[in-house]
Amino acid sequence: MPRVISVTAPSRLHFGLLGLEQEEGPRYGGVGAMVDQPALHLRLRESPAFSCHGPLADRAAEFARRWGNFHQRSELPACNVALLKIPPNHVGLGVGTQLALSVAAGLNAFTGLAASPQELALSVGRGVRSAIGTYGFAMGGLLVERGKLPGEPIATLDCRIDLPADWRFVLLRPAGWQGLSGDQEEQAIGELPRVSPETTARLISLARDKLVPAAATTDFPAFAESLHEFGRLSGGMFAARQGGPYNGPVLTRLVTWLRSRGYAGVGQSSWGPTLFVVLPDQHSAIVLADLLQQEKPEGPLEVTIAAPNNRGALVQSALGEVSGTEAPD
């Protein structure tokens, strides 16, 4: 039977950073979570030579070349990488990292290799700033990473817990919008003013003393309110570029619209334009999704209901599940 490997990866919601560049101590850090939709799905199948096809095929091929260079291979494995389902790119869902890690994990499984999340990220050049997507790919759940020390290749994971399976995230964004990425993102971050130690300390306290305990005890009201508070404070770091804690007046008005209707747990993922609303169950999520589609605040919206993903990516062969990553100790 020809070797066939499939990889299904979740999307990443980034609730916010703990800080930016600083002279001492860890840089960046952050909090985020993985959700099951929209999912990324690719398949590797034996082929006479390496090839990629489907959406973002050129980018996937570049990640494969990085993987080959990292492992000092003169040729890439003889397989075809079919990109079967790719979430919207550059909208705040961490698709670049999930695609890179999916390619690396698929190639590892195809060739019988295993790697830690850190090694997997290094093999394809990810995790330069935030490691939420890296650890989320391997483990899912709610994740807090403490930031990256000088000389440290990947930030250290501080905390990871399951989110309640019944909770839902409603994802929404103005139709057709994209956020910052690549060189534009690097330039924007480089131009931001320094963050005060007091702001970083407040964000760390919010994460450790409110957000994580509320999730661990399934205290939904406390989680929702602290999630909004954390995201708003963290988003303030980017006000010089965004004009406020959210990326522009349209997203700001959408947050106000949602909060005015009693939805407490509202935030922006990364640079946006994806906003999220955490809800206690599927029924509540359907009610909000229907309301958004009917009233269309700020025009047509792309709306998705997503459950928490608490296991990370699924790597399978034609004969069953395989491991493309090893969780850290």
C-alpha atoms as a PDB file:
ATOM      1  CA  MET A   1       0.000   0.000   0.000  1.00  0.00           C
ATOM      2  CA  PRO A   2       1.434   3.445  -0.912  1.00  0.00           C
ATOM      3  CA  ARG A   3       2.316   5.624   2.039  1.00  0.00           C
ATOM      4  CA  VAL A   4      -0.343   8.264   2.723  1.00  0.00           C
ATOM      5  CA  ILE A   5      -0.097  10.799   5.542  1.00  0.00           C
ATOM      6  CA  SER A   6      -2.847  13.294   6.375  1.00  0.00           C
ATOM      7  CA  VAL A   7      -2.516  16.284   8.681  1.00  0.00           C
ATOM      8  CA  THR A   8      -5.427  18.283  10.097  1.00  0.00           C
ATOM      9  CA  ALA A   9      -4.460  21.393  12.046  1.00  0.00           C
ATOM     10  CA  PRO A  10      -6.598  23.795  14.077  1.00  0.00           C
ATOM     11  CA  SER A  11      -6.615  27.592  13.852  1.00  0.00           C
ATOM     12  CA  ARG A  12      -4.943  29.846  16.395  1.00  0.00           C
ATOM     13  CA  LEU A  13      -6.585  32.725  18.231  1.00  0.00           C
ATOM     14  CA  HIS A  14      -4.015  35.130  19.656  1.00  0.00           C
ATOM     15  CA  PHE A  15      -5.519  37.036  22.582  1.00  0.00           C
ATOM     16  CA  GLY A  16      -2.565  39.413  22.875  1.00  0.00           C
ATOM     17  CA  LEU A  17       1.109  39.872  23.675  1.00  0.00           C
ATOM     18  CA  LEU A  18       2.564  40.523  27.123  1.00  0.00           C
ATOM     19  CA  GLY A  19       5.119  43.013  25.798  1.00  0.00           C
ATOM     20  CA  LEU A  20       7.328  44.023  22.879  1.00  0.00           C
ATOM     21  CA  GLU A  21      11.073  44.589  22.497  1.00  0.00           C
ATOM     22  CA  GLN A  22      12.842  45.436  25.755  1.00  0.00           C
ATOM     23  CA  GLU A  23      16.394  45.762  26.967  1.00  0.00           C
ATOM     24  CA  GLU A  24      16.207  43.044  29.629  1.00  0.00           C
ATOM     25  CA  GLY A  25      14.111  39.974  30.292  1.00  0.00           C
ATOM     26  CA  PRO A  26      11.880  38.000  27.923  1.00  0.00           C
ATOM     27  CA  ARG A  27      10.406  39.660  24.835  1.00  0.00           C
ATOM     28  CA  TYR A  28       6.843  39.406  23.614  1.00  0.00           C
ATOM     29  CA  GLY A  29       5.175  36.502  25.429  1.00  0.00           C
ATOM     30  CA  GLY A  30       1.455  36.057  25.000  1.00  0.00           C
ATOM     31  CA  VAL A  31      -1.798  34.212  25.496  1.00  0.00           C
ATOM     32  CA  GLY A  32      -3.932  32.365  22.962  1.00  0.00           C
ATOM     33  CA  ALA A  33      -6.043  29.315  22.248  1.00  0.00           C
ATOM     34  CA  MET A  34      -6.661  26.814  19.484  1.00  0.00           C
ATOM     35  CA  VAL A  35     -10.041  26.286  17.817  1.00  0.00           C
ATOM     36  CA  ASP A  36     -11.224  23.499  15.546  1.00  0.00           C
ATOM     37  CA  GLN A  37     -12.552  25.732  12.772  1.00  0.00           C
ATOM     38  CA  PRO A  38     -11.527  26.763  10.230  1.00  0.00           C
ATOM     39  CA  ALA A  39      -9.230  23.752   9.946  1.00  0.00           C
ATOM     40  CA  LEU A  40      -6.251  23.186   7.676  1.00  0.00           C
ATOM     41  CA  HIS A  41      -5.994  19.823   5.937  1.00  0.00           C
ATOM     42  CA  LEU A  42      -3.217  18.437   3.769  1.00  0.00           C
ATOM     43  CA  ARG A  43      -2.255  14.993   2.519  1.00  0.00           C
ATOM     44  CA  LEU A  44       1.098  13.499   1.535  1.00  0.00           C
ATOM     45  CA  ARG A  45       1.159  10.603  -0.902  1.00  0.00           C
ATOM     46  CA  GLU A  46       4.027   8.662  -2.491  1.00  0.00           C
ATOM     47  CA  SER A  47       5.020  10.147  -5.837  1.00  0.00           C
ATOM     48  CA  PRO A  48       7.944   9.855  -8.289  1.00  0.00           C
ATOM     49  CA  ALA A  49       9.291  13.192  -7.017  1.00  0.00           C
ATOM     50  CA  PHE A  50       8.437  15.896  -4.524  1.00  0.00           C
ATOM     51  CA  SER A  51       5.650  18.286  -5.535  1.00  0.00           C
ATOM     52  CA  CYS A  52       2.926  20.482  -4.023  1.00  0.00           C
ATOM     53  CA  HIS A  53      -0.457  21.483  -5.349  1.00  0.00           C
ATOM     54  CA  GLY A  54      -3.463  23.371  -4.081  1.00  0.00           C
ATOM     55  CA  PRO A  55      -3.923  26.770  -2.401  1.00  0.00           C
ATOM     56  CA  LEU A  56      -0.665  28.262  -1.028  1.00  0.00           C
ATOM     57  CA  ALA A  57       1.303  25.523  -2.811  1.00  0.00           C
ATOM     58  CA  ASP A  58       4.317  27.791  -3.374  1.00  0.00           C
ATOM     59  CA  ARG A  59       4.450  28.674   0.300  1.00  0.00           C
ATOM     60  CA  ALA A  60       4.117  25.029   1.331  1.00  0.00           C
ATOM     61  CA  ALA A  61       6.961  24.110  -1.045  1.00  0.00           C
ATOM     62  CA  GLU A  62       9.164  26.777   0.561  1.00  0.00           C
ATOM     63  CA  PHE A  63       8.475  25.323   4.006  1.00  0.00           C
ATOM     64  CA  ALA A  64       9.371  21.883   2.652  1.00  0.00           C
ATOM     65  CA  ARG A  65      12.677  23.262   1.315  1.00  0.00           C
ATOM     66  CA  ARG A  66      13.446  24.745   4.734  1.00  0.00           C
ATOM     67  CA  TRP A  67      12.654  21.382   6.312  1.00  0.00           C
ATOM     68  CA  GLY A  68      15.007  19.657   3.873  1.00  0.00           C
ATOM     69  CA  ASN A  69      17.823  22.111   4.573  1.00  0.00           C
ATOM     70  CA  PHE A  70      17.344  21.753   8.335  1.00  0.00           C
ATOM     71  CA  HIS A  71      17.632  17.972   8.060  1.00  0.00           C
ATOM     72  CA  GLN A  72      20.541  18.252   5.594  1.00  0.00           C
ATOM     73  CA  ARG A  73      18.770  16.312   2.891  1.00  0.00           C
ATOM     74  CA  SER A  74      20.071  16.634  -0.656  1.00  0.00           C
ATOM     75  CA  GLU A  75      16.584  15.811  -1.993  1.00  0.00           C
ATOM     76  CA  LEU A  76      13.105  16.145  -0.567  1.00  0.00           C
ATOM     77  CA  PRO A  77      11.079  12.946  -0.011  1.00  0.00           C
ATOM     78  CA  ALA A  78       9.371  11.531  -3.094  1.00  0.00           C
ATOM     79  CA  CYS A  79       5.842  12.591  -2.274  1.00  0.00           C
ATOM     80  CA  ASN A  80       3.083  14.901  -3.391  1.00  0.00           C
ATOM     81  CA  VAL A  81       1.730  17.368  -0.833  1.00  0.00           C
ATOM     82  CA  ALA A  82      -1.932  18.084  -1.616  1.00  0.00           C
ATOM     83  CA  LEU A  83      -3.302  21.159   0.163  1.00  0.00           C
ATOM     84  CA  LEU A  84      -6.931  20.148   0.480  1.00  0.00           C
ATOM     85  CA  LYS A  85      -8.313  22.828   2.790  1.00  0.00           C
ATOM     86  CA  ILE A  86      -6.670  26.094   3.845  1.00  0.00           C
ATOM     87  CA  PRO A  87      -8.298  28.684   6.138  1.00  0.00           C
ATOM     88  CA  PRO A  88      -8.354  32.328   5.062  1.00  0.00           C
ATOM     89  CA  ASN A  89      -4.827  33.724   5.132  1.00  0.00           C
ATOM     90  CA  HIS A  90      -3.642  36.909   6.871  1.00  0.00           C
ATOM     91  CA  VAL A  91      -6.789  37.362   8.963  1.00  0.00           C
ATOM     92  CA  GLY A  92      -5.351  36.678  12.430  1.00  0.00           C
ATOM     93  CA  LEU A  93      -5.744  32.892  12.576  1.00  0.00           C
ATOM     94  CA  GLY A  94      -2.062  31.925  12.395  1.00  0.00           C
ATOM     95  CA  VAL A  95      -2.386  30.094   9.078  1.00  0.00           C
ATOM     96  CA  GLY A  96       1.272  30.565   8.113  1.00  0.00           C
ATOM     97  CA  THR A  97       2.501  28.782  11.227  1.00  0.00           C
ATOM     98  CA  GLN A  98      -0.094  26.021  11.028  1.00  0.00           C
ATOM     99  CA  LEU A  99       0.753  25.421   7.355  1.00  0.00           C
ATOM    100  CA  ALA A 100       4.493  25.357   8.067  1.00  0.00           C
ATOM    101  CA  LEU A 101       4.133  22.962  10.988  1.00  0.00           C
ATOM    102  CA  SER A 102       1.675  20.766   9.073  1.00  0.00           C
ATOM    103  CA  VAL A 103       4.183  20.411   6.230  1.00  0.00           C
ATOM    104  CA  ALA A 104       6.986  19.629   8.686  1.00  0.00           C
ATOM    105  CA  ALA A 105       4.911  17.155  10.720  1.00  0.00           C
ATOM    106  CA  GLY A 106       3.696  15.476   7.528  1.00  0.00           C
ATOM    107  CA  LEU A 107       7.232  15.110   6.178  1.00  0.00           C
ATOM    108  CA  ASN A 108       8.428  13.846   9.560  1.00  0.00           C
ATOM    109  CA  ALA A 109       5.701  11.197   9.595  1.00  0.00           C
ATOM    110  CA  PHE A 110       6.354  10.287   5.971  1.00  0.00           C
ATOM    111  CA  THR A 111      10.057   9.721   6.689  1.00  0.00           C
ATOM    112  CA  GLY A 112       9.693   8.233  10.180  1.00  0.00           C
ATOM    113  CA  LEU A 113      11.058  11.202  12.138  1.00  0.00           C
ATOM    114  CA  ALA A 114       9.731  12.714  15.361  1.00  0.00           C
ATOM    115  CA  ALA A 115      10.441  16.128  16.853  1.00  0.00           C
ATOM    116  CA  SER A 116       9.547  18.318  19.795  1.00  0.00           C
ATOM    117  CA  PRO A 117       7.333  21.339  19.056  1.00  0.00           C
ATOM    118  CA  GLN A 118      10.418  23.544  19.279  1.00  0.00           C
ATOM    119  CA  GLU A 119      12.369  21.418  16.787  1.00  0.00           C
ATOM    120  CA  LEU A 120       9.397  21.280  14.458  1.00  0.00           C
ATOM    121  CA  ALA A 121       9.158  25.087  14.427  1.00  0.00           C
ATOM    122  CA  LEU A 122      12.895  25.538  13.940  1.00  0.00           C
ATOM    123  CA  SER A 123      12.906  23.143  10.982  1.00  0.00           C
ATOM    124  CA  VAL A 124      10.623  25.497   9.020  1.00  0.00           C
ATOM    125  CA  GLY A 125      11.667  28.856  10.488  1.00  0.00           C
ATOM    126  CA  ARG A 126       8.649  29.607  12.692  1.00  0.00           C
ATOM    127  CA  GLY A 127       8.322  30.829  16.283  1.00  0.00           C
ATOM    128  CA  VAL A 128      10.549  33.867  15.771  1.00  0.00           C
ATOM    129  CA  ARG A 129       8.256  36.047  17.901  1.00  0.00           C
ATOM    130  CA  SER A 130       5.255  34.203  19.326  1.00  0.00           C
ATOM    131  CA  ALA A 131       5.213  30.480  20.087  1.00  0.00           C
ATOM    132  CA  ILE A 132       1.473  30.199  20.784  1.00  0.00           C
ATOM    133  CA  GLY A 133       0.818  28.622  17.379  1.00  0.00           C
ATOM    134  CA  THR A 134       3.769  26.255  17.769  1.00  0.00           C
ATOM    135  CA  TYR A 135       2.649  24.837  21.104  1.00  0.00           C
ATOM    136  CA  GLY A 136      -0.988  24.961  20.009  1.00  0.00           C
ATOM    137  CA  PHE A 137      -0.212  22.816  16.967  1.00  0.00           C
ATOM    138  CA  ALA A 138       1.294  20.183  19.235  1.00  0.00           C
ATOM    139  CA  MET A 139      -1.120  20.316  22.175  1.00  0.00           C
ATOM    140  CA  GLY A 140      -4.132  22.567  21.576  1.00  0.00           C
ATOM    141  CA  GLY A 141      -5.869  24.218  24.502  1.00  0.00           C
ATOM    142  CA  LEU A 142      -5.399  27.576  26.196  1.00  0.00           C
ATOM    143  CA  LEU A 143      -1.723  28.555  26.131  1.00  0.00           C
ATOM    144  CA  VAL A 144       0.445  31.105  27.912  1.00  0.00           C
ATOM    145  CA  GLU A 145       4.050  31.552  26.835  1.00  0.00           C
ATOM    146  CA  ARG A 146       6.359  33.667  28.961  1.00  0.00           C
ATOM    147  CA  GLY A 147       8.350  35.330  26.173  1.00  0.00           C
ATOM    148  CA  LYS A 148      11.677  34.828  24.499  1.00  0.00           C
ATOM    149  CA  LEU A 149      15.011  35.511  26.150  1.00  0.00           C
ATOM    150  CA  PRO A 150      17.959  36.751  24.044  1.00  0.00           C
ATOM    151  CA  GLY A 151      19.562  33.773  22.348  1.00  0.00           C
ATOM    152  CA  GLU A 152      16.560  31.548  23.001  1.00  0.00           C
ATOM    153  CA  PRO A 153      15.278  30.058  19.700  1.00  0.00           C
ATOM    154  CA  ILE A 154      11.672  29.503  20.841  1.00  0.00           C
ATOM    155  CA  ALA A 155       9.820  31.069  23.753  1.00  0.00           C
ATOM    156  CA  THR A 156       9.161  28.854  26.774  1.00  0.00           C
ATOM    157  CA  LEU A 157       5.657  27.542  27.441  1.00  0.00           C
ATOM    158  CA  ASP A 158       4.449  28.796  30.821  1.00  0.00           C
ATOM    159  CA  CYS A 159       0.993  27.208  31.066  1.00  0.00           C
ATOM    160  CA  ARG A 160      -1.349  25.033  29.029  1.00  0.00           C
ATOM    161  CA  ILE A 161      -4.848  23.839  30.028  1.00  0.00           C
ATOM    162  CA  ASP A 162      -7.932  22.422  28.341  1.00  0.00           C
ATOM    163  CA  LEU A 163     -10.807  24.769  27.605  1.00  0.00           C
ATOM    164  CA  PRO A 164     -14.288  23.418  28.418  1.00  0.00           C
ATOM    165  CA  ALA A 165     -15.565  21.387  25.472  1.00  0.00           C
ATOM    166  CA  ASP A 166     -18.994  23.063  25.576  1.00  0.00           C
ATOM    167  CA  TRP A 167     -17.624  26.590  25.129  1.00  0.00           C
ATOM    168  CA  ARG A 168     -17.670  28.116  21.673  1.00  0.00           C
ATOM    169  CA  PHE A 169     -15.946  30.964  19.855  1.00  0.00           C
ATOM    170  CA  VAL A 170     -17.876  32.923  17.257  1.00  0.00           C
ATOM    171  CA  LEU A 171     -15.331  34.301  14.776  1.00  0.00           C
ATOM    172  CA  LEU A 172     -16.323  37.295  12.672  1.00  0.00           C
ATOM    173  CA  ARG A 173     -14.611  39.637  10.271  1.00  0.00           C
ATOM    174  CA  PRO A 174     -15.680  42.075   7.565  1.00  0.00           C
ATOM    175  CA  ALA A 175     -15.965  40.164   4.284  1.00  0.00           C
ATOM    176  CA  GLY A 176     -12.832  40.315   2.163  1.00  0.00           C
ATOM    177  CA  TRP A 177     -10.608  42.011   4.749  1.00  0.00           C
ATOM    178  CA  GLN A 178      -7.032  41.007   5.549  1.00  0.00           C
ATOM    179  CA  GLY A 179      -4.604  42.087   8.267  1.00  0.00           C
ATOM    180  CA  LEU A 180      -0.894  42.830   8.398  1.00  0.00           C
ATOM    181  CA  SER A 181       1.671  40.153   7.637  1.00  0.00           C
ATOM    182  CA  GLY A 182       5.241  39.647   6.502  1.00  0.00           C
ATOM    183  CA  ASP A 183       7.404  42.730   5.984  1.00  0.00           C
ATOM    184  CA  GLN A 184       4.524  45.100   6.755  1.00  0.00           C
ATOM    185  CA  GLU A 185       4.005  43.435  10.123  1.00  0.00           C
ATOM    186  CA  GLU A 186       7.723  43.536  10.931  1.00  0.00           C
ATOM    187  CA  GLN A 187       7.885  47.230  10.058  1.00  0.00           C
ATOM    188  CA  ALA A 188       4.781  48.046  12.083  1.00  0.00           C
ATOM    189  CA  ILE A 189       6.077  46.276  15.188  1.00  0.00           C
ATOM    190  CA  GLY A 190       9.497  47.905  14.791  1.00  0.00           C
ATOM    191  CA  GLU A 191       7.900  51.364  14.811  1.00  0.00           C
ATOM    192  CA  LEU A 192       5.808  50.857  17.960  1.00  0.00           C
ATOM    193  CA  PRO A 193       6.769  52.674  21.164  1.00  0.00           C
ATOM    194  CA  ARG A 194       8.152  50.688  24.086  1.00  0.00           C
ATOM    195  CA  VAL A 195       5.711  49.115  26.516  1.00  0.00           C
ATOM    196  CA  SER A 196       5.966  50.105  30.168  1.00  0.00           C
ATOM    197  CA  PRO A 197       6.954  47.423  32.714  1.00  0.00           C
ATOM    198  CA  GLU A 198       3.735  48.257  34.550  1.00  0.00           C
ATOM    199  CA  THR A 199       1.623  47.322  31.515  1.00  0.00           C
ATOM    200  CA  THR A 200       3.436  44.005  31.098  1.00  0.00           C
ATOM    201  CA  ALA A 201       3.064  43.268  34.806  1.00  0.00           C
ATOM    202  CA  ARG A 202      -0.656  44.002  34.612  1.00  0.00           C
ATOM    203  CA  LEU A 203      -1.062  41.681  31.604  1.00  0.00           C
ATOM    204  CA  ILE A 204       0.835  38.884  33.354  1.00  0.00           C
ATOM    205  CA  SER A 205      -1.379  39.321  36.413  1.00  0.00           C
ATOM    206  CA  LEU A 206      -4.536  39.226  34.301  1.00  0.00           C
ATOM    207  CA  ALA A 207      -3.421  36.004  32.634  1.00  0.00           C
ATOM    208  CA  ARG A 208      -2.224  34.194  35.739  1.00  0.00           C
ATOM    209  CA  ASP A 209      -4.682  35.481  38.335  1.00  0.00           C
ATOM    210  CA  LYS A 210      -7.902  35.778  36.318  1.00  0.00           C
ATOM    211  CA  LEU A 211      -7.922  34.297  32.816  1.00  0.00           C
ATOM    212  CA  VAL A 212      -6.250  30.930  33.449  1.00  0.00           C
ATOM    213  CA  PRO A 213      -7.990  30.234  36.799  1.00  0.00           C
ATOM    214  CA  ALA A 214     -11.385  31.088  35.273  1.00  0.00           C
ATOM    215  CA  ALA A 215     -10.796  28.611  32.463  1.00  0.00           C
ATOM    216  CA  ALA A 216      -9.508  25.942  34.840  1.00  0.00           C
ATOM    217  CA  THR A 217     -12.588  26.242  37.047  1.00  0.00           C
ATOM    218  CA  THR A 218     -14.959  26.650  34.065  1.00  0.00           C
ATOM    219  CA  ASP A 219     -16.093  30.035  35.428  1.00  0.00           C
ATOM    220  CA  PHE A 220     -17.437  31.339  32.144  1.00  0.00           C
ATOM    221  CA  PRO A 221     -18.483  34.891  33.217  1.00  0.00           C
ATOM    222  CA  ALA A 222     -15.084  35.527  34.808  1.00  0.00           C
ATOM    223  CA  PHE A 223     -13.262  34.097  31.797  1.00  0.00           C
ATOM    224  CA  ALA A 224     -15.240  36.188  29.322  1.00  0.00           C
ATOM    225  CA  GLU A 225     -14.725  39.471  31.163  1.00  0.00           C
ATOM    226  CA  SER A 226     -11.031  38.877  31.868  1.00  0.00           C
ATOM    227  CA  LEU A 227     -10.483  37.840  28.251  1.00  0.00           C
ATOM    228  CA  HIS A 228     -11.903  41.158  27.067  1.00  0.00           C
ATOM    229  CA  GLU A 229      -9.880  43.091  29.644  1.00  0.00           C
ATOM    230  CA  PHE A 230      -6.664  41.318  28.668  1.00  0.00           C
ATOM    231  CA  GLY A 231      -7.196  41.846  24.941  1.00  0.00           C
ATOM    232  CA  ARG A 232      -8.092  45.508  25.304  1.00  0.00           C
ATOM    233  CA  LEU A 233      -5.026  46.257  27.436  1.00  0.00           C
ATOM    234  CA  SER A 234      -2.696  44.260  25.169  1.00  0.00           C
ATOM    235  CA  GLY A 235      -4.203  45.857  22.068  1.00  0.00           C
ATOM    236  CA  GLY A 236      -3.326  49.247  23.493  1.00  0.00           C
ATOM    237  CA  MET A 237       0.336  48.477  22.739  1.00  0.00           C
ATOM    238  CA  PHE A 238      -0.548  48.796  19.059  1.00  0.00           C
ATOM    239  CA  ALA A 239      -2.592  51.987  19.313  1.00  0.00           C
ATOM    240  CA  ALA A 240       0.060  53.998  17.464  1.00  0.00           C
ATOM    241  CA  ARG A 241      -0.581  51.805  14.416  1.00  0.00           C
ATOM    242  CA  GLN A 242      -4.223  50.770  14.906  1.00  0.00           C
ATOM    243  CA  GLY A 243      -5.653  53.971  16.336  1.00  0.00           C
ATOM    244  CA  GLY A 244      -6.702  52.174  19.519  1.00  0.00           C
ATOM    245  CA  PRO A 245      -6.834  48.675  21.000  1.00  0.00           C
ATOM    246  CA  TYR A 246      -8.601  47.363  17.867  1.00  0.00           C
ATOM    247  CA  ASN A 247      -7.493  47.685  14.276  1.00  0.00           C
ATOM    248  CA  GLY A 248      -9.439  50.660  13.017  1.00  0.00           C
ATOM    249  CA  PRO A 249     -12.864  52.246  13.474  1.00  0.00           C
ATOM    250  CA  VAL A 250     -14.910  49.436  11.894  1.00  0.00           C
ATOM    251  CA  LEU A 251     -13.575  46.750  14.238  1.00  0.00           C
ATOM    252  CA  THR A 252     -13.847  49.151  17.169  1.00  0.00           C
ATOM    253  CA  ARG A 253     -17.519  49.765  16.397  1.00  0.00           C
ATOM    254  CA  LEU A 254     -18.130  46.018  16.058  1.00  0.00           C
ATOM    255  CA  VAL A 255     -16.639  45.423  19.514  1.00  0.00           C
ATOM    256  CA  THR A 256     -18.862  48.185  20.935  1.00  0.00           C
ATOM    257  CA  TRP A 257     -21.914  46.709  19.168  1.00  0.00           C
ATOM    258  CA  LEU A 258     -21.253  43.262  20.630  1.00  0.00           C
ATOM    259  CA  ARG A 259     -20.541  44.501  24.146  1.00  0.00           C
ATOM    260  CA  SER A 260     -23.668  46.679  24.125  1.00  0.00           C
ATOM    261  CA  ARG A 261     -25.727  43.542  23.485  1.00  0.00           C
ATOM    262  CA  GLY A 262     -24.334  41.757  26.507  1.00  0.00           C
ATOM    263  CA  TYR A 263     -21.512  39.767  24.898  1.00  0.00           C
ATOM    264  CA  ALA A 264     -18.665  40.227  27.357  1.00  0.00           C
ATOM    265  CA  GLY A 265     -15.857  38.049  25.979  1.00  0.00           C
ATOM    266  CA  VAL A 266     -15.019  40.018  22.842  1.00  0.00           C
ATOM    267  CA  GLY A 267     -11.509  40.438  21.473  1.00  0.00           C
ATOM    268  CA  GLN A 268      -9.336  40.727  18.386  1.00  0.00           C
ATOM    269  CA  SER A 269      -7.034  37.923  17.266  1.00  0.00           C
ATOM    270  CA  SER A 270      -3.544  39.238  16.514  1.00  0.00           C
ATOM    271  CA  TRP A 271      -3.786  42.211  14.077  1.00  0.00           C
ATOM    272  CA  GLY A 272      -7.283  41.165  13.033  1.00  0.00           C
ATOM    273  CA  PRO A 273      -9.456  41.621  11.140  1.00  0.00           C
ATOM    274  CA  THR A 274     -10.866  38.525  12.894  1.00  0.00           C
ATOM    275  CA  LEU A 275     -12.752  39.315  16.074  1.00  0.00           C
ATOM    276  CA  PHE A 276     -13.904  36.578  18.438  1.00  0.00           C
ATOM    277  CA  VAL A 277     -16.678  36.231  20.997  1.00  0.00           C
ATOM    278  CA  VAL A 278     -16.473  33.446  23.573  1.00  0.00           C
ATOM    279  CA  LEU A 279     -19.823  31.881  24.486  1.00  0.00           C
ATOM    280  CA  PRO A 280     -20.856  29.196  26.992  1.00  0.00           C
ATOM    281  CA  ASP A 281     -22.455  26.729  24.548  1.00  0.00           C
ATOM    282  CA  GLN A 282     -23.420  25.908  20.971  1.00  0.00           C
ATOM    283  CA  HIS A 283     -26.949  27.328  21.264  1.00  0.00           C
ATOM    284  CA  SER A 284     -25.669  30.738  22.356  1.00  0.00           C
ATOM    285  CA  ALA A 285     -23.177  30.710  19.504  1.00  0.00           C
ATOM    286  CA  ILE A 286     -25.899  29.950  16.936  1.00  0.00           C
ATOM    287  CA  VAL A 287     -28.063  32.758  18.310  1.00  0.00           C
ATOM    288  CA  LEU A 288     -25.218  35.269  17.922  1.00  0.00           C
ATOM    289  CA  ALA A 289     -24.224  33.998  14.479  1.00  0.00           C
ATOM    290  CA  ASP A 290     -27.812  34.367  13.282  1.00  0.00           C
ATOM    291  CA  LEU A 291     -28.037  37.861  14.763  1.00  0.00           C
ATOM    292  CA  LEU A 292     -24.849  38.942  13.007  1.00  0.00           C
ATOM    293  CA  GLN A 293     -26.060  37.617   9.670  1.00  0.00           C
ATOM    294  CA  GLN A 294     -29.451  39.261  10.041  1.00  0.00           C
ATOM    295  CA  GLU A 295     -28.403  42.700  11.283  1.00  0.00           C
ATOM    296  CA  LYS A 296     -25.066  42.936   9.426  1.00  0.00           C
ATOM    297  CA  PRO A 297     -23.491  45.597  11.628  1.00  0.00           C
ATOM    298  CA  GLU A 298     -20.821  47.357   9.568  1.00  0.00           C
ATOM    299  CA  GLY A 299     -21.847  45.410   6.454  1.00  0.00           C
ATOM    300  CA  PRO A 300     -21.458  41.762   5.369  1.00  0.00           C
ATOM    301  CA  LEU A 301     -19.492  39.577   7.772  1.00  0.00           C
ATOM    302  CA  GLU A 302     -17.749  36.226   7.522  1.00  0.00           C
ATOM    303  CA  VAL A 303     -18.984  34.278  10.567  1.00  0.00           C
ATOM    304  CA  THR A 304     -17.727  30.923  11.890  1.00  0.00           C
ATOM    305  CA  ILE A 305     -18.656  28.951  15.016  1.00  0.00           C
ATOM    306  CA  ALA A 306     -15.657  27.118  16.459  1.00  0.00           C
ATOM    307  CA  ALA A 307     -15.245  24.712  19.361  1.00  0.00           C
ATOM    308  CA  PRO A 308     -12.044  24.727  21.429  1.00  0.00           C
ATOM    309  CA  ASN A 309      -9.361  22.371  20.163  1.00  0.00           C
ATOM    310  CA  ASN A 310      -7.699  20.624  23.112  1.00  0.00           C
ATOM    311  CA  ARG A 311      -5.526  18.089  21.323  1.00  0.00           C
ATOM    312  CA  GLY A 312      -3.623  19.973  18.636  1.00  0.00           C
ATOM    313  CA  ALA A 313      -3.066  18.753  15.111  1.00  0.00           C
ATOM    314  CA  LEU A 314      -4.024  15.248  14.045  1.00  0.00           C
ATOM    315  CA  VAL A 315      -1.395  13.374  12.019  1.00  0.00           C
ATOM    316  CA  GLN A 316      -2.573  10.097  10.522  1.00  0.00           C
ATOM    317  CA  SER A 317      -1.316   7.480   8.120  1.00  0.00           C
ATOM    318  CA  ALA A 318      -3.475   5.255   5.960  1.00  0.00           C
ATOM    319  CA  LEU A 319      -3.013   2.657   8.691  1.00  0.00           C
ATOM    320  CA  GLY A 320      -3.866   4.896  11.673  1.00  0.00           C
ATOM    321  CA  GLU A 321      -2.651   7.779  13.793  1.00  0.00           C
ATOM    322  CA  VAL A 322       1.066   8.594  13.908  1.00  0.00           C
ATOM    323  CA  SER A 323       3.092  11.149  15.851  1.00  0.00           C
ATOM    324  CA  GLY A 324       4.804  14.009  14.071  1.00  0.00           C
ATOM    325  CA  THR A 325       5.636  15.830  17.297  1.00  0.00           C
ATOM    326  CA  GLU A 326       6.640  15.007  20.812  1.00  0.00           C
ATOM    327  CA  ALA A 327       5.123  17.093  23.610  1.00  0.00           C
ATOM    328  CA  PRO A 328       7.623  18.813  25.910  1.00  0.00           C
ATOM    329  CA  ASP A 329       8.288  17.374  29.351  1.00  0.00           C
END
